[in-house]
Amino acid sequence: MATHLILKKIFKTGFVSEPAPAPDLTMLTADQATHEQNQLHADILKVFGQAVTIRHVDAGSCNGCELEIHALGGPHYNIEGLGIKFAASPRHVDVLLVTGPVSRNLEVALQRTYDATPEPKWVVAMGDCAGGCGMAGAMFGENYASCGKISNVIPVDVEVPGCPPTPTALLRGILAAVSRPK
């Protein structure tokens, strides 16, 4: 009986979703995007020499950036095919990829992770929260529970803006970091 009432209400109300957005004509075509991605892969191989290891540190993020990091491991971006790998130990990495504003609970852990990473090391702050702007930066900033942006705790080489940044922007940020002389 209750199903009948629900269906009646659905048919009476109709569709309540909003219309699809108009197509964005500024977006790259599939061929342009593929060419851009191939060029990015070639630049990464040239700089990395097929050997770079990343340690991801979540310093208190909402996990939006982590979803984009996981996308890098998929078949579309295939970063392992480029020689970029993730490692659990900071003692075996070249790049620290840090997301989120630093919570007070993780301040010491982030500093220890940075100290344990061998030289030369690069730090990439991923997302608006890590760079001190965005929702978390505006809402929390520096207070009793948050240290704010990553550079308040450890030195940052490159900030990748976005909430969350795209995987391509993240690859560009990592490439920019390791291209900098140490």
C-alpha atoms as a PDB file:
ATOM      1  CA  MET A   1       0.000   0.000   0.000  1.00  0.00           C
ATOM      2  CA  ALA A   2       2.805   2.453   0.882  1.00  0.00           C
ATOM      3  CA  THR A   3       4.534   1.770  -2.451  1.00  0.00           C
ATOM      4  CA  HIS A   4       1.428   2.850  -4.293  1.00  0.00           C
ATOM      5  CA  LEU A   5       1.415   6.202  -2.438  1.00  0.00           C
ATOM      6  CA  ILE A   6       5.096   6.786  -3.137  1.00  0.00           C
ATOM      7  CA  LEU A   7       4.680   6.083  -6.849  1.00  0.00           C
ATOM      8  CA  LYS A   8       1.646   8.359  -6.998  1.00  0.00           C
ATOM      9  CA  LYS A   9       3.663  11.183  -5.414  1.00  0.00           C
ATOM     10  CA  ILE A  10       6.565  10.605  -7.840  1.00  0.00           C
ATOM     11  CA  PHE A  11       4.279  10.806 -10.893  1.00  0.00           C
ATOM     12  CA  LYS A  12       2.509  13.861  -9.528  1.00  0.00           C
ATOM     13  CA  THR A  13       5.765  15.736  -8.722  1.00  0.00           C
ATOM     14  CA  GLY A  14       7.613  14.924 -11.957  1.00  0.00           C
ATOM     15  CA  PHE A  15      11.300  15.555 -12.542  1.00  0.00           C
ATOM     16  CA  VAL A  16      12.864  17.940 -10.038  1.00  0.00           C
ATOM     17  CA  SER A  17      16.492  17.798 -11.143  1.00  0.00           C
ATOM     18  CA  GLU A  18      18.143  20.799 -12.692  1.00  0.00           C
ATOM     19  CA  PRO A  19      18.907  20.899 -16.426  1.00  0.00           C
ATOM     20  CA  ALA A  20      22.316  19.774 -17.667  1.00  0.00           C
ATOM     21  CA  PRO A  21      24.915  22.559 -17.872  1.00  0.00           C
ATOM     22  CA  ALA A  22      25.780  24.017 -21.255  1.00  0.00           C
ATOM     23  CA  PRO A  23      28.902  22.502 -22.816  1.00  0.00           C
ATOM     24  CA  ASP A  24      32.129  24.329 -21.957  1.00  0.00           C
ATOM     25  CA  LEU A  25      33.705  25.280 -25.270  1.00  0.00           C
ATOM     26  CA  THR A  26      36.985  26.240 -23.586  1.00  0.00           C
ATOM     27  CA  MET A  27      37.694  22.628 -22.659  1.00  0.00           C
ATOM     28  CA  LEU A  28      40.312  20.789 -24.694  1.00  0.00           C
ATOM     29  CA  THR A  29      39.188  18.365 -27.359  1.00  0.00           C
ATOM     30  CA  ALA A  30      40.059  14.705 -26.849  1.00  0.00           C
ATOM     31  CA  ASP A  31      42.987  14.935 -29.322  1.00  0.00           C
ATOM     32  CA  GLN A  32      44.379  18.064 -27.657  1.00  0.00           C
ATOM     33  CA  ALA A  33      44.039  16.492 -24.201  1.00  0.00           C
ATOM     34  CA  THR A  34      45.795  13.317 -25.367  1.00  0.00           C
ATOM     35  CA  HIS A  35      48.604  15.354 -26.953  1.00  0.00           C
ATOM     36  CA  GLU A  36      48.985  17.437 -23.784  1.00  0.00           C
ATOM     37  CA  GLN A  37      49.052  14.306 -21.627  1.00  0.00           C
ATOM     38  CA  ASN A  38      51.623  12.618 -23.892  1.00  0.00           C
ATOM     39  CA  GLN A  39      53.811  15.733 -23.700  1.00  0.00           C
ATOM     40  CA  LEU A  40      53.485  15.751 -19.905  1.00  0.00           C
ATOM     41  CA  HIS A  41      54.474  12.065 -19.776  1.00  0.00           C
ATOM     42  CA  ALA A  42      57.516  12.759 -21.987  1.00  0.00           C
ATOM     43  CA  ASP A  43      58.594  15.638 -19.727  1.00  0.00           C
ATOM     44  CA  ILE A  44      58.185  13.462 -16.642  1.00  0.00           C
ATOM     45  CA  LEU A  45      60.292  10.666 -18.129  1.00  0.00           C
ATOM     46  CA  LYS A  46      62.992  13.178 -19.102  1.00  0.00           C
ATOM     47  CA  VAL A  47      63.179  14.717 -15.623  1.00  0.00           C
ATOM     48  CA  PHE A  48      62.585  11.682 -13.442  1.00  0.00           C
ATOM     49  CA  GLY A  49      64.731   9.230 -15.377  1.00  0.00           C
ATOM     50  CA  GLN A  50      62.102   6.612 -14.463  1.00  0.00           C
ATOM     51  CA  ALA A  51      62.932   6.740 -10.780  1.00  0.00           C
ATOM     52  CA  VAL A  52      60.982   8.844  -8.318  1.00  0.00           C
ATOM     53  CA  THR A  53      59.192   7.746  -5.189  1.00  0.00           C
ATOM     54  CA  ILE A  54      56.457   9.673  -3.373  1.00  0.00           C
ATOM     55  CA  ARG A  55      55.249   9.512   0.210  1.00  0.00           C
ATOM     56  CA  HIS A  56      51.748  10.857   0.653  1.00  0.00           C
ATOM     57  CA  VAL A  57      50.991  12.451   4.023  1.00  0.00           C
ATOM     58  CA  ASP A  58      47.402  13.336   4.918  1.00  0.00           C
ATOM     59  CA  ALA A  59      47.841  16.119   7.470  1.00  0.00           C
ATOM     60  CA  GLY A  60      44.125  16.570   8.119  1.00  0.00           C
ATOM     61  CA  SER A  61      42.357  16.811   4.770  1.00  0.00           C
ATOM     62  CA  CYS A  62      38.768  16.059   3.781  1.00  0.00           C
ATOM     63  CA  ASN A  63      40.039  13.270   1.448  1.00  0.00           C
ATOM     64  CA  GLY A  64      39.022  15.088  -1.736  1.00  0.00           C
ATOM     65  CA  CYS A  65      42.660  15.362  -2.792  1.00  0.00           C
ATOM     66  CA  GLU A  66      43.242  11.694  -1.984  1.00  0.00           C
ATOM     67  CA  LEU A  67      40.625  10.713  -4.568  1.00  0.00           C
ATOM     68  CA  GLU A  68      42.624  12.571  -7.214  1.00  0.00           C
ATOM     69  CA  ILE A  69      45.857  10.934  -6.031  1.00  0.00           C
ATOM     70  CA  HIS A  70      44.228   7.517  -6.403  1.00  0.00           C
ATOM     71  CA  ALA A  71      43.167   8.461  -9.945  1.00  0.00           C
ATOM     72  CA  LEU A  72      46.862   8.782 -10.841  1.00  0.00           C
ATOM     73  CA  GLY A  73      47.276   5.064 -10.232  1.00  0.00           C
ATOM     74  CA  GLY A  74      44.543   4.153 -12.718  1.00  0.00           C
ATOM     75  CA  PRO A  75      45.060   3.170 -16.354  1.00  0.00           C
ATOM     76  CA  HIS A  76      44.318   6.659 -17.710  1.00  0.00           C
ATOM     77  CA  TYR A  77      47.324   8.329 -16.047  1.00  0.00           C
ATOM     78  CA  ASN A  78      49.441   5.208 -15.399  1.00  0.00           C
ATOM     79  CA  ILE A  79      52.098   6.914 -13.294  1.00  0.00           C
ATOM     80  CA  GLU A  80      53.711   3.603 -12.379  1.00  0.00           C
ATOM     81  CA  GLY A  81      54.398   3.121 -16.075  1.00  0.00           C
ATOM     82  CA  LEU A  82      56.348   6.385 -15.882  1.00  0.00           C
ATOM     83  CA  GLY A  83      58.430   5.130 -12.967  1.00  0.00           C
ATOM     84  CA  ILE A  84      56.614   7.110 -10.282  1.00  0.00           C
ATOM     85  CA  LYS A  85      55.832   4.977  -7.262  1.00  0.00           C
ATOM     86  CA  PHE A  86      54.350   5.530  -3.822  1.00  0.00           C
ATOM     87  CA  ALA A  87      56.164   4.236  -0.748  1.00  0.00           C
ATOM     88  CA  ALA A  88      55.156   3.838   2.870  1.00  0.00           C
ATOM     89  CA  SER A  89      58.479   4.790   4.416  1.00  0.00           C
ATOM     90  CA  PRO A  90      59.751   8.367   4.198  1.00  0.00           C
ATOM     91  CA  ARG A  91      63.295   6.974   4.295  1.00  0.00           C
ATOM     92  CA  HIS A  92      62.916   5.718   0.700  1.00  0.00           C
ATOM     93  CA  VAL A  93      61.257   8.666  -1.033  1.00  0.00           C
ATOM     94  CA  ASP A  94      62.175  11.737  -3.049  1.00  0.00           C
ATOM     95  CA  VAL A  95      58.902  13.705  -2.792  1.00  0.00           C
ATOM     96  CA  LEU A  96      56.558  14.343   0.120  1.00  0.00           C
ATOM     97  CA  LEU A  97      53.026  14.944  -1.142  1.00  0.00           C
ATOM     98  CA  VAL A  98      51.099  16.613   1.680  1.00  0.00           C
ATOM     99  CA  THR A  99      47.338  17.268   1.701  1.00  0.00           C
ATOM    100  CA  GLY A 100      45.093  19.226   4.034  1.00  0.00           C
ATOM    101  CA  PRO A 101      45.705  21.866   6.674  1.00  0.00           C
ATOM    102  CA  VAL A 102      48.047  20.554   9.353  1.00  0.00           C
ATOM    103  CA  SER A 103      46.113  19.573  12.451  1.00  0.00           C
ATOM    104  CA  ARG A 104      47.903  19.981  15.782  1.00  0.00           C
ATOM    105  CA  ASN A 105      47.714  16.202  16.246  1.00  0.00           C
ATOM    106  CA  LEU A 106      49.809  15.670  13.096  1.00  0.00           C
ATOM    107  CA  GLU A 107      52.242  18.566  13.434  1.00  0.00           C
ATOM    108  CA  VAL A 108      55.004  16.514  15.077  1.00  0.00           C
ATOM    109  CA  ALA A 109      54.379  13.508  12.798  1.00  0.00           C
ATOM    110  CA  LEU A 110      54.697  15.703   9.685  1.00  0.00           C
ATOM    111  CA  GLN A 111      57.923  17.256  10.981  1.00  0.00           C
ATOM    112  CA  ARG A 112      59.354  13.789  11.759  1.00  0.00           C
ATOM    113  CA  THR A 113      58.370  12.527   8.316  1.00  0.00           C
ATOM    114  CA  TYR A 114      60.112  15.507   6.726  1.00  0.00           C
ATOM    115  CA  ASP A 115      63.217  14.962   8.864  1.00  0.00           C
ATOM    116  CA  ALA A 116      63.299  11.250   7.961  1.00  0.00           C
ATOM    117  CA  THR A 117      63.221  11.938   4.226  1.00  0.00           C
ATOM    118  CA  PRO A 118      66.739  11.866   2.730  1.00  0.00           C
ATOM    119  CA  GLU A 119      68.200  14.770   0.772  1.00  0.00           C
ATOM    120  CA  PRO A 120      67.485  15.894  -1.881  1.00  0.00           C
ATOM    121  CA  LYS A 121      63.815  16.064  -1.021  1.00  0.00           C
ATOM    122  CA  TRP A 122      60.925  18.010  -2.402  1.00  0.00           C
ATOM    123  CA  VAL A 123      57.637  18.899  -0.733  1.00  0.00           C
ATOM    124  CA  VAL A 124      54.465  19.359  -2.761  1.00  0.00           C
ATOM    125  CA  ALA A 125      51.486  20.902  -0.948  1.00  0.00           C
ATOM    126  CA  MET A 126      48.400  19.615  -2.748  1.00  0.00           C
ATOM    127  CA  GLY A 127      45.115  21.500  -2.671  1.00  0.00           C
ATOM    128  CA  ASP A 128      43.845  24.834  -1.437  1.00  0.00           C
ATOM    129  CA  CYS A 129      43.809  23.678   2.194  1.00  0.00           C
ATOM    130  CA  ALA A 130      47.497  22.775   2.101  1.00  0.00           C
ATOM    131  CA  GLY A 131      48.318  26.153   0.577  1.00  0.00           C
ATOM    132  CA  GLY A 132      46.426  28.071   3.259  1.00  0.00           C
ATOM    133  CA  CYS A 133      43.482  29.182   1.185  1.00  0.00           C
ATOM    134  CA  GLY A 134      40.229  27.451   0.375  1.00  0.00           C
ATOM    135  CA  MET A 135      37.494  26.319   2.717  1.00  0.00           C
ATOM    136  CA  ALA A 136      39.683  24.870   5.446  1.00  0.00           C
ATOM    137  CA  GLY A 137      42.087  27.793   5.328  1.00  0.00           C
ATOM    138  CA  ALA A 138      39.230  30.275   5.640  1.00  0.00           C
ATOM    139  CA  MET A 139      37.377  28.285   8.286  1.00  0.00           C
ATOM    140  CA  PHE A 140      40.222  27.041  10.437  1.00  0.00           C
ATOM    141  CA  GLY A 141      43.396  29.011   9.711  1.00  0.00           C
ATOM    142  CA  GLU A 142      45.772  28.903  12.654  1.00  0.00           C
ATOM    143  CA  ASN A 143      44.102  28.134  15.959  1.00  0.00           C
ATOM    144  CA  TYR A 144      44.190  25.722  18.870  1.00  0.00           C
ATOM    145  CA  ALA A 145      43.383  22.725  16.593  1.00  0.00           C
ATOM    146  CA  SER A 146      45.131  23.670  13.340  1.00  0.00           C
ATOM    147  CA  CYS A 147      48.573  24.895  12.316  1.00  0.00           C
ATOM    148  CA  GLY A 148      47.115  26.111   9.021  1.00  0.00           C
ATOM    149  CA  LYS A 149      49.023  25.655   5.786  1.00  0.00           C
ATOM    150  CA  ILE A 150      51.825  23.144   5.278  1.00  0.00           C
ATOM    151  CA  SER A 151      54.531  25.803   4.997  1.00  0.00           C
ATOM    152  CA  ASN A 152      53.862  26.766   8.629  1.00  0.00           C
ATOM    153  CA  VAL A 153      55.359  23.403   9.654  1.00  0.00           C
ATOM    154  CA  ILE A 154      57.806  22.340   6.906  1.00  0.00           C
ATOM    155  CA  PRO A 155      59.290  24.117   3.872  1.00  0.00           C
ATOM    156  CA  VAL A 156      57.212  23.700   0.690  1.00  0.00           C
ATOM    157  CA  ASP A 157      58.725  23.659  -2.803  1.00  0.00           C
ATOM    158  CA  VAL A 158      55.523  23.717  -4.879  1.00  0.00           C
ATOM    159  CA  GLU A 159      51.872  24.404  -4.077  1.00  0.00           C
ATOM    160  CA  VAL A 160      49.285  22.815  -6.363  1.00  0.00           C
ATOM    161  CA  PRO A 161      46.073  24.885  -6.121  1.00  0.00           C
ATOM    162  CA  GLY A 162      42.581  23.495  -6.530  1.00  0.00           C
ATOM    163  CA  CYS A 163      39.838  21.998  -4.439  1.00  0.00           C
ATOM    164  CA  PRO A 164      40.796  19.332  -5.309  1.00  0.00           C
ATOM    165  CA  PRO A 165      43.385  19.810  -8.047  1.00  0.00           C
ATOM    166  CA  THR A 166      43.071  17.577 -11.092  1.00  0.00           C
ATOM    167  CA  PRO A 167      45.467  14.653 -11.527  1.00  0.00           C
ATOM    168  CA  THR A 168      47.066  16.483 -14.457  1.00  0.00           C
ATOM    169  CA  ALA A 169      47.664  19.564 -12.287  1.00  0.00           C
ATOM    170  CA  LEU A 170      49.171  17.323  -9.629  1.00  0.00           C
ATOM    171  CA  LEU A 171      51.526  15.737 -12.174  1.00  0.00           C
ATOM    172  CA  ARG A 172      52.559  19.232 -13.306  1.00  0.00           C
ATOM    173  CA  GLY A 173      53.205  20.201  -9.678  1.00  0.00           C
ATOM    174  CA  ILE A 174      55.353  17.135  -9.025  1.00  0.00           C
ATOM    175  CA  LEU A 175      57.245  17.791 -12.268  1.00  0.00           C
ATOM    176  CA  ALA A 176      57.774  21.446 -11.263  1.00  0.00           C
ATOM    177  CA  ALA A 177      59.071  20.382  -7.863  1.00  0.00           C
ATOM    178  CA  VAL A 178      61.667  17.886  -9.054  1.00  0.00           C
ATOM    179  CA  SER A 179      62.731  20.198 -11.903  1.00  0.00           C
ATOM    180  CA  ARG A 180      63.847  22.756  -9.320  1.00  0.00           C
ATOM    181  CA  PRO A 181      67.493  22.498  -8.347  1.00  0.00           C
ATOM    182  CA  LYS A 182      68.192  21.511  -4.755  1.00  0.00           C
END
